[in-house]
């Protein structure tokens, strides 16, 4: 008999380190469309950038948004290109600066 695979959008067993992250997912509010639009980002890229600005790592963002860590990494690569930055910190700063100027 084959072991059952964990479904990506179902939370792991209770008491796991991901419990707090899935709680974040339940409490997640959509990113403000204004700031992601102003920066030229897609709505999903805006969500990813919002969580980066909150200090979450790729794996944590993946759990919160129900994505794979690799997908989060791809979103970040595109965000960096669109914002013309090279680091997470610079991207988060661009988000805050862009949101404040509007």
N, C-alpha and C. Protein backbone atom coordinates (compact mmCIF):
# COMPACT_ATOMS: atom_id res chain seq x y z
N UNK A 1 0.84 -1.19 0.00
CA UNK A 1 0.00 0.00 0.00
C UNK A 1 0.88 1.24 0.00
N UNK A 2 0.54 2.19 -0.81
CA UNK A 2 1.30 3.43 -0.97
C UNK A 2 0.94 4.42 0.14
N UNK A 3 1.95 5.12 0.70
CA UNK A 3 1.63 6.13 1.71
C UNK A 3 0.84 7.28 1.10
N UNK A 4 -0.05 7.82 1.87
CA UNK A 4 -0.89 8.91 1.40
C UNK A 4 -0.09 10.20 1.33
N UNK A 5 -0.19 10.89 0.21
CA UNK A 5 0.51 12.17 0.04
C UNK A 5 -0.24 13.27 0.76
N UNK A 6 0.51 14.21 1.29
CA UNK A 6 -0.09 15.38 1.92
C UNK A 6 -0.60 16.31 0.84
N UNK A 7 -1.86 16.68 0.93
CA UNK A 7 -2.43 17.63 -0.02
C UNK A 7 -1.91 19.01 0.30
N UNK A 8 -1.48 19.81 -0.70
CA UNK A 8 -0.86 21.11 -0.44
C UNK A 8 -1.76 22.11 0.28
N UNK A 9 -3.06 22.06 0.07
CA UNK A 9 -3.93 23.05 0.69
C UNK A 9 -4.57 22.58 1.99
N UNK A 10 -4.16 21.41 2.47
CA UNK A 10 -4.68 20.96 3.75
C UNK A 10 -3.58 21.11 4.79
N UNK A 11 -3.94 21.55 5.99
CA UNK A 11 -2.90 21.76 7.00
C UNK A 11 -2.32 20.44 7.48
N UNK A 12 -1.03 20.43 7.85
CA UNK A 12 -0.42 19.24 8.42
C UNK A 12 -1.09 18.92 9.75
N UNK A 13 -0.69 17.81 10.37
CA UNK A 13 -1.32 17.38 11.62
C UNK A 13 -1.24 18.46 12.70
N UNK A 14 -2.19 18.40 13.61
CA UNK A 14 -2.26 19.39 14.69
C UNK A 14 -0.97 19.36 15.52
N UNK A 15 -0.59 20.52 16.01
CA UNK A 15 0.61 20.61 16.83
C UNK A 15 1.89 20.78 16.03
N UNK A 16 1.77 20.92 14.71
CA UNK A 16 2.96 21.06 13.89
C UNK A 16 3.44 22.52 13.90
N UNK A 17 4.68 22.76 13.48
CA UNK A 17 5.18 24.14 13.44
C UNK A 17 4.43 25.02 12.45
N UNK A 18 3.65 24.43 11.57
CA UNK A 18 2.92 25.21 10.58
C UNK A 18 1.57 25.70 11.08
N UNK A 19 1.17 25.31 12.31
CA UNK A 19 -0.11 25.75 12.84
C UNK A 19 -0.23 27.27 12.86
N UNK A 20 0.82 27.94 13.30
CA UNK A 20 0.78 29.41 13.36
C UNK A 20 0.68 30.00 11.95
N UNK A 21 1.32 29.37 10.98
CA UNK A 21 1.27 29.87 9.61
C UNK A 21 -0.11 29.70 9.01
N UNK A 22 -0.74 28.57 9.29
CA UNK A 22 -2.08 28.38 8.76
C UNK A 22 -3.05 29.33 9.44
N UNK A 23 -2.76 29.69 10.68
CA UNK A 23 -3.57 30.71 11.35
C UNK A 23 -3.39 32.04 10.62
N UNK A 24 -2.14 32.38 10.23
CA UNK A 24 -1.89 33.59 9.45
C UNK A 24 -2.71 33.55 8.16
N UNK A 25 -2.77 32.37 7.55
CA UNK A 25 -3.50 32.23 6.29
C UNK A 25 -4.98 32.53 6.49
N UNK A 26 -5.54 32.05 7.60
CA UNK A 26 -6.95 32.31 7.88
C UNK A 26 -7.19 33.80 8.11
N UNK A 27 -6.21 34.46 8.72
CA UNK A 27 -6.37 35.87 9.05
C UNK A 27 -5.90 36.79 7.91
N UNK A 28 -5.33 36.20 6.87
CA UNK A 28 -4.76 37.00 5.78
C UNK A 28 -5.85 37.83 5.11
N UNK A 29 -5.51 39.06 4.88
CA UNK A 29 -6.41 39.92 4.13
C UNK A 29 -5.74 40.21 2.79
N UNK A 30 -6.52 40.37 1.76
CA UNK A 30 -5.90 40.63 0.46
C UNK A 30 -5.05 41.89 0.51
N UNK A 31 -3.99 41.88 -0.26
CA UNK A 31 -3.14 43.07 -0.31
C UNK A 31 -3.92 44.20 -0.95
N UNK A 32 -3.55 45.41 -0.61
CA UNK A 32 -4.27 46.54 -1.18
C UNK A 32 -3.93 46.61 -2.66
N UNK A 33 -4.94 46.62 -3.49
CA UNK A 33 -4.73 46.66 -4.93
C UNK A 33 -4.04 47.93 -5.36
N UNK A 34 -4.27 49.02 -4.63
CA UNK A 34 -3.67 50.30 -5.00
C UNK A 34 -2.16 50.25 -4.98
N UNK A 35 -1.57 49.68 -3.92
CA UNK A 35 -0.11 49.69 -3.83
C UNK A 35 0.52 48.75 -4.85
N UNK A 36 -0.09 47.57 -5.09
CA UNK A 36 0.50 46.66 -6.08
C UNK A 36 0.29 47.21 -7.49
N UNK A 37 -0.85 47.85 -7.74
CA UNK A 37 -1.07 48.47 -9.05
C UNK A 37 -0.07 49.60 -9.29
N UNK A 38 0.15 50.42 -8.25
CA UNK A 38 1.07 51.55 -8.38
C UNK A 38 2.49 51.08 -8.67
N UNK A 39 2.83 49.90 -8.16
CA UNK A 39 4.18 49.36 -8.37
C UNK A 39 4.26 48.52 -9.64
N UNK A 40 3.15 48.30 -10.32
CA UNK A 40 3.15 47.49 -11.53
C UNK A 40 3.19 46.00 -11.27
N UNK A 41 2.69 45.58 -10.09
CA UNK A 41 2.69 44.17 -9.72
C UNK A 41 1.31 43.57 -9.92
N UNK A 42 1.30 42.26 -10.16
CA UNK A 42 0.03 41.54 -10.23
C UNK A 42 -0.54 41.44 -8.81
N UNK A 43 -1.82 41.13 -8.68
CA UNK A 43 -2.38 40.96 -7.33
C UNK A 43 -1.64 39.90 -6.51
N UNK A 44 -1.26 38.78 -7.13
CA UNK A 44 -0.55 37.72 -6.39
C UNK A 44 0.83 38.21 -5.97
N UNK A 45 1.52 38.91 -6.86
CA UNK A 45 2.83 39.46 -6.50
C UNK A 45 2.70 40.44 -5.35
N UNK A 46 1.61 41.20 -5.35
CA UNK A 46 1.36 42.12 -4.24
C UNK A 46 1.18 41.39 -2.92
N UNK A 47 0.48 40.24 -2.96
CA UNK A 47 0.30 39.42 -1.75
C UNK A 47 1.64 38.90 -1.26
N UNK A 48 2.44 38.37 -2.18
CA UNK A 48 3.75 37.83 -1.81
C UNK A 48 4.61 38.93 -1.20
N UNK A 49 4.64 40.09 -1.84
CA UNK A 49 5.45 41.20 -1.34
C UNK A 49 4.96 41.66 0.03
N UNK A 50 3.66 41.66 0.25
CA UNK A 50 3.12 42.05 1.55
C UNK A 50 3.65 41.14 2.65
N UNK A 51 3.68 39.83 2.39
CA UNK A 51 4.18 38.88 3.39
C UNK A 51 5.69 39.01 3.57
N UNK A 52 6.41 39.32 2.48
CA UNK A 52 7.86 39.58 2.60
C UNK A 52 8.08 40.76 3.53
N UNK A 53 7.29 41.81 3.35
CA UNK A 53 7.40 43.00 4.18
C UNK A 53 7.07 42.70 5.64
N UNK A 54 6.26 41.67 5.88
CA UNK A 54 5.94 41.24 7.24
C UNK A 54 7.05 40.38 7.85
N UNK A 55 8.06 40.05 7.04
CA UNK A 55 9.20 39.29 7.55
C UNK A 55 9.09 37.78 7.37
N UNK A 56 8.14 37.33 6.57
CA UNK A 56 7.98 35.89 6.34
C UNK A 56 8.99 35.38 5.33
N UNK A 57 9.42 34.12 5.53
CA UNK A 57 10.32 33.45 4.59
C UNK A 57 9.50 32.81 3.47
N UNK A 58 10.17 32.39 2.40
CA UNK A 58 9.49 31.80 1.25
C UNK A 58 8.59 30.63 1.66
N UNK A 59 9.11 29.73 2.47
CA UNK A 59 8.34 28.56 2.89
C UNK A 59 7.11 28.94 3.68
N UNK A 60 7.24 29.95 4.52
CA UNK A 60 6.10 30.43 5.30
C UNK A 60 5.05 31.06 4.40
N UNK A 61 5.51 31.87 3.44
CA UNK A 61 4.59 32.51 2.49
C UNK A 61 3.87 31.43 1.68
N UNK A 62 4.60 30.39 1.30
CA UNK A 62 4.00 29.30 0.53
C UNK A 62 2.86 28.65 1.29
N UNK A 63 3.07 28.38 2.58
CA UNK A 63 2.02 27.77 3.39
C UNK A 63 0.83 28.71 3.51
N UNK A 64 1.10 29.97 3.79
CA UNK A 64 0.03 30.96 3.97
C UNK A 64 -0.83 31.09 2.72
N UNK A 65 -0.19 31.15 1.56
CA UNK A 65 -0.91 31.38 0.31
C UNK A 65 -1.30 30.09 -0.42
N UNK A 66 -0.89 28.94 0.11
CA UNK A 66 -1.23 27.67 -0.53
C UNK A 66 -0.47 27.43 -1.82
N UNK A 67 0.78 27.88 -1.86
CA UNK A 67 1.65 27.72 -3.02
C UNK A 67 2.84 26.84 -2.67
N UNK A 68 3.64 26.49 -3.66
CA UNK A 68 4.90 25.82 -3.38
C UNK A 68 5.96 26.89 -3.12
N UNK A 69 6.99 26.55 -2.33
CA UNK A 69 8.06 27.53 -2.10
C UNK A 69 8.72 27.98 -3.40
N UNK A 70 8.80 27.09 -4.37
CA UNK A 70 9.40 27.43 -5.66
C UNK A 70 8.57 28.49 -6.39
N UNK A 71 7.25 28.39 -6.30
CA UNK A 71 6.38 29.38 -6.92
C UNK A 71 6.58 30.74 -6.26
N UNK A 72 6.70 30.74 -4.95
CA UNK A 72 6.95 32.00 -4.22
C UNK A 72 8.27 32.60 -4.70
N UNK A 73 9.28 31.75 -4.84
CA UNK A 73 10.59 32.22 -5.31
C UNK A 73 10.49 32.84 -6.70
N UNK A 74 9.71 32.22 -7.59
CA UNK A 74 9.51 32.78 -8.94
C UNK A 74 8.81 34.13 -8.87
N UNK A 75 7.79 34.23 -8.02
CA UNK A 75 7.11 35.52 -7.86
C UNK A 75 8.10 36.59 -7.40
N UNK A 76 8.95 36.23 -6.45
CA UNK A 76 9.93 37.19 -5.94
C UNK A 76 10.91 37.62 -7.02
N UNK A 77 11.35 36.68 -7.85
CA UNK A 77 12.27 37.05 -8.94
C UNK A 77 11.63 38.09 -9.85
N UNK A 78 10.36 37.90 -10.17
CA UNK A 78 9.65 38.85 -11.03
C UNK A 78 9.43 40.19 -10.32
N UNK A 79 9.14 40.13 -9.02
CA UNK A 79 8.97 41.36 -8.23
C UNK A 79 10.26 42.17 -8.25
N UNK A 80 11.39 41.49 -8.02
CA UNK A 80 12.69 42.17 -8.01
C UNK A 80 12.93 42.87 -9.35
N UNK A 81 12.62 42.17 -10.45
CA UNK A 81 12.83 42.76 -11.78
C UNK A 81 11.93 43.97 -12.00
N UNK A 82 10.67 43.83 -11.63
CA UNK A 82 9.72 44.94 -11.83
C UNK A 82 10.08 46.16 -10.99
N UNK A 83 10.58 45.92 -9.78
CA UNK A 83 10.92 47.03 -8.89
C UNK A 83 12.36 47.50 -9.05
N UNK A 84 13.13 46.77 -9.88
CA UNK A 84 14.53 47.09 -10.11
C UNK A 84 15.33 47.08 -8.80
N UNK A 85 15.15 45.99 -8.03
CA UNK A 85 15.87 45.81 -6.77
C UNK A 85 16.51 44.43 -6.77
N UNK A 86 17.39 44.19 -5.79
CA UNK A 86 18.08 42.91 -5.74
C UNK A 86 17.85 42.13 -4.45
N UNK A 87 17.21 42.74 -3.45
CA UNK A 87 17.02 42.06 -2.17
C UNK A 87 15.58 42.16 -1.69
N UNK A 88 15.24 41.28 -0.74
CA UNK A 88 13.92 41.30 -0.12
C UNK A 88 13.69 42.62 0.61
N UNK A 89 14.72 43.07 1.29
CA UNK A 89 14.61 44.31 2.05
C UNK A 89 14.31 45.49 1.13
N UNK A 90 15.03 45.55 0.02
CA UNK A 90 14.82 46.64 -0.94
C UNK A 90 13.41 46.57 -1.53
N UNK A 91 12.91 45.36 -1.79
CA UNK A 91 11.56 45.21 -2.33
C UNK A 91 10.53 45.67 -1.30
N UNK A 92 10.72 45.29 -0.04
CA UNK A 92 9.79 45.72 1.02
C UNK A 92 9.82 47.23 1.18
N UNK A 93 11.00 47.81 1.09
CA UNK A 93 11.12 49.28 1.19
C UNK A 93 10.41 49.95 0.02
N UNK A 94 10.55 49.39 -1.17
CA UNK A 94 9.88 49.95 -2.35
C UNK A 94 8.37 49.90 -2.17
N UNK A 95 7.88 48.81 -1.57
CA UNK A 95 6.44 48.70 -1.33
C UNK A 95 5.99 49.79 -0.36
N UNK A 96 6.71 49.95 0.73
CA UNK A 96 6.33 50.97 1.72
C UNK A 96 6.44 52.38 1.15
N UNK A 97 7.49 52.63 0.40
CA UNK A 97 7.67 53.95 -0.21
C UNK A 97 6.60 54.21 -1.24
N UNK A 98 6.33 53.21 -2.08
CA UNK A 98 5.29 53.36 -3.11
C UNK A 98 3.92 53.55 -2.51
N UNK A 99 3.63 52.85 -1.41
CA UNK A 99 2.32 52.96 -0.77
C UNK A 99 2.16 54.32 -0.11
N UNK A 100 3.26 54.91 0.38
CA UNK A 100 3.19 56.19 1.06
C UNK A 100 3.05 57.35 0.08
N UNK A 101 3.57 57.19 -1.14
CA UNK A 101 3.54 58.28 -2.10
C UNK A 101 2.18 58.42 -2.77
N UNK A 102 1.35 57.41 -2.68
CA UNK A 102 0.05 57.47 -3.33
C UNK A 102 -0.98 58.15 -2.49
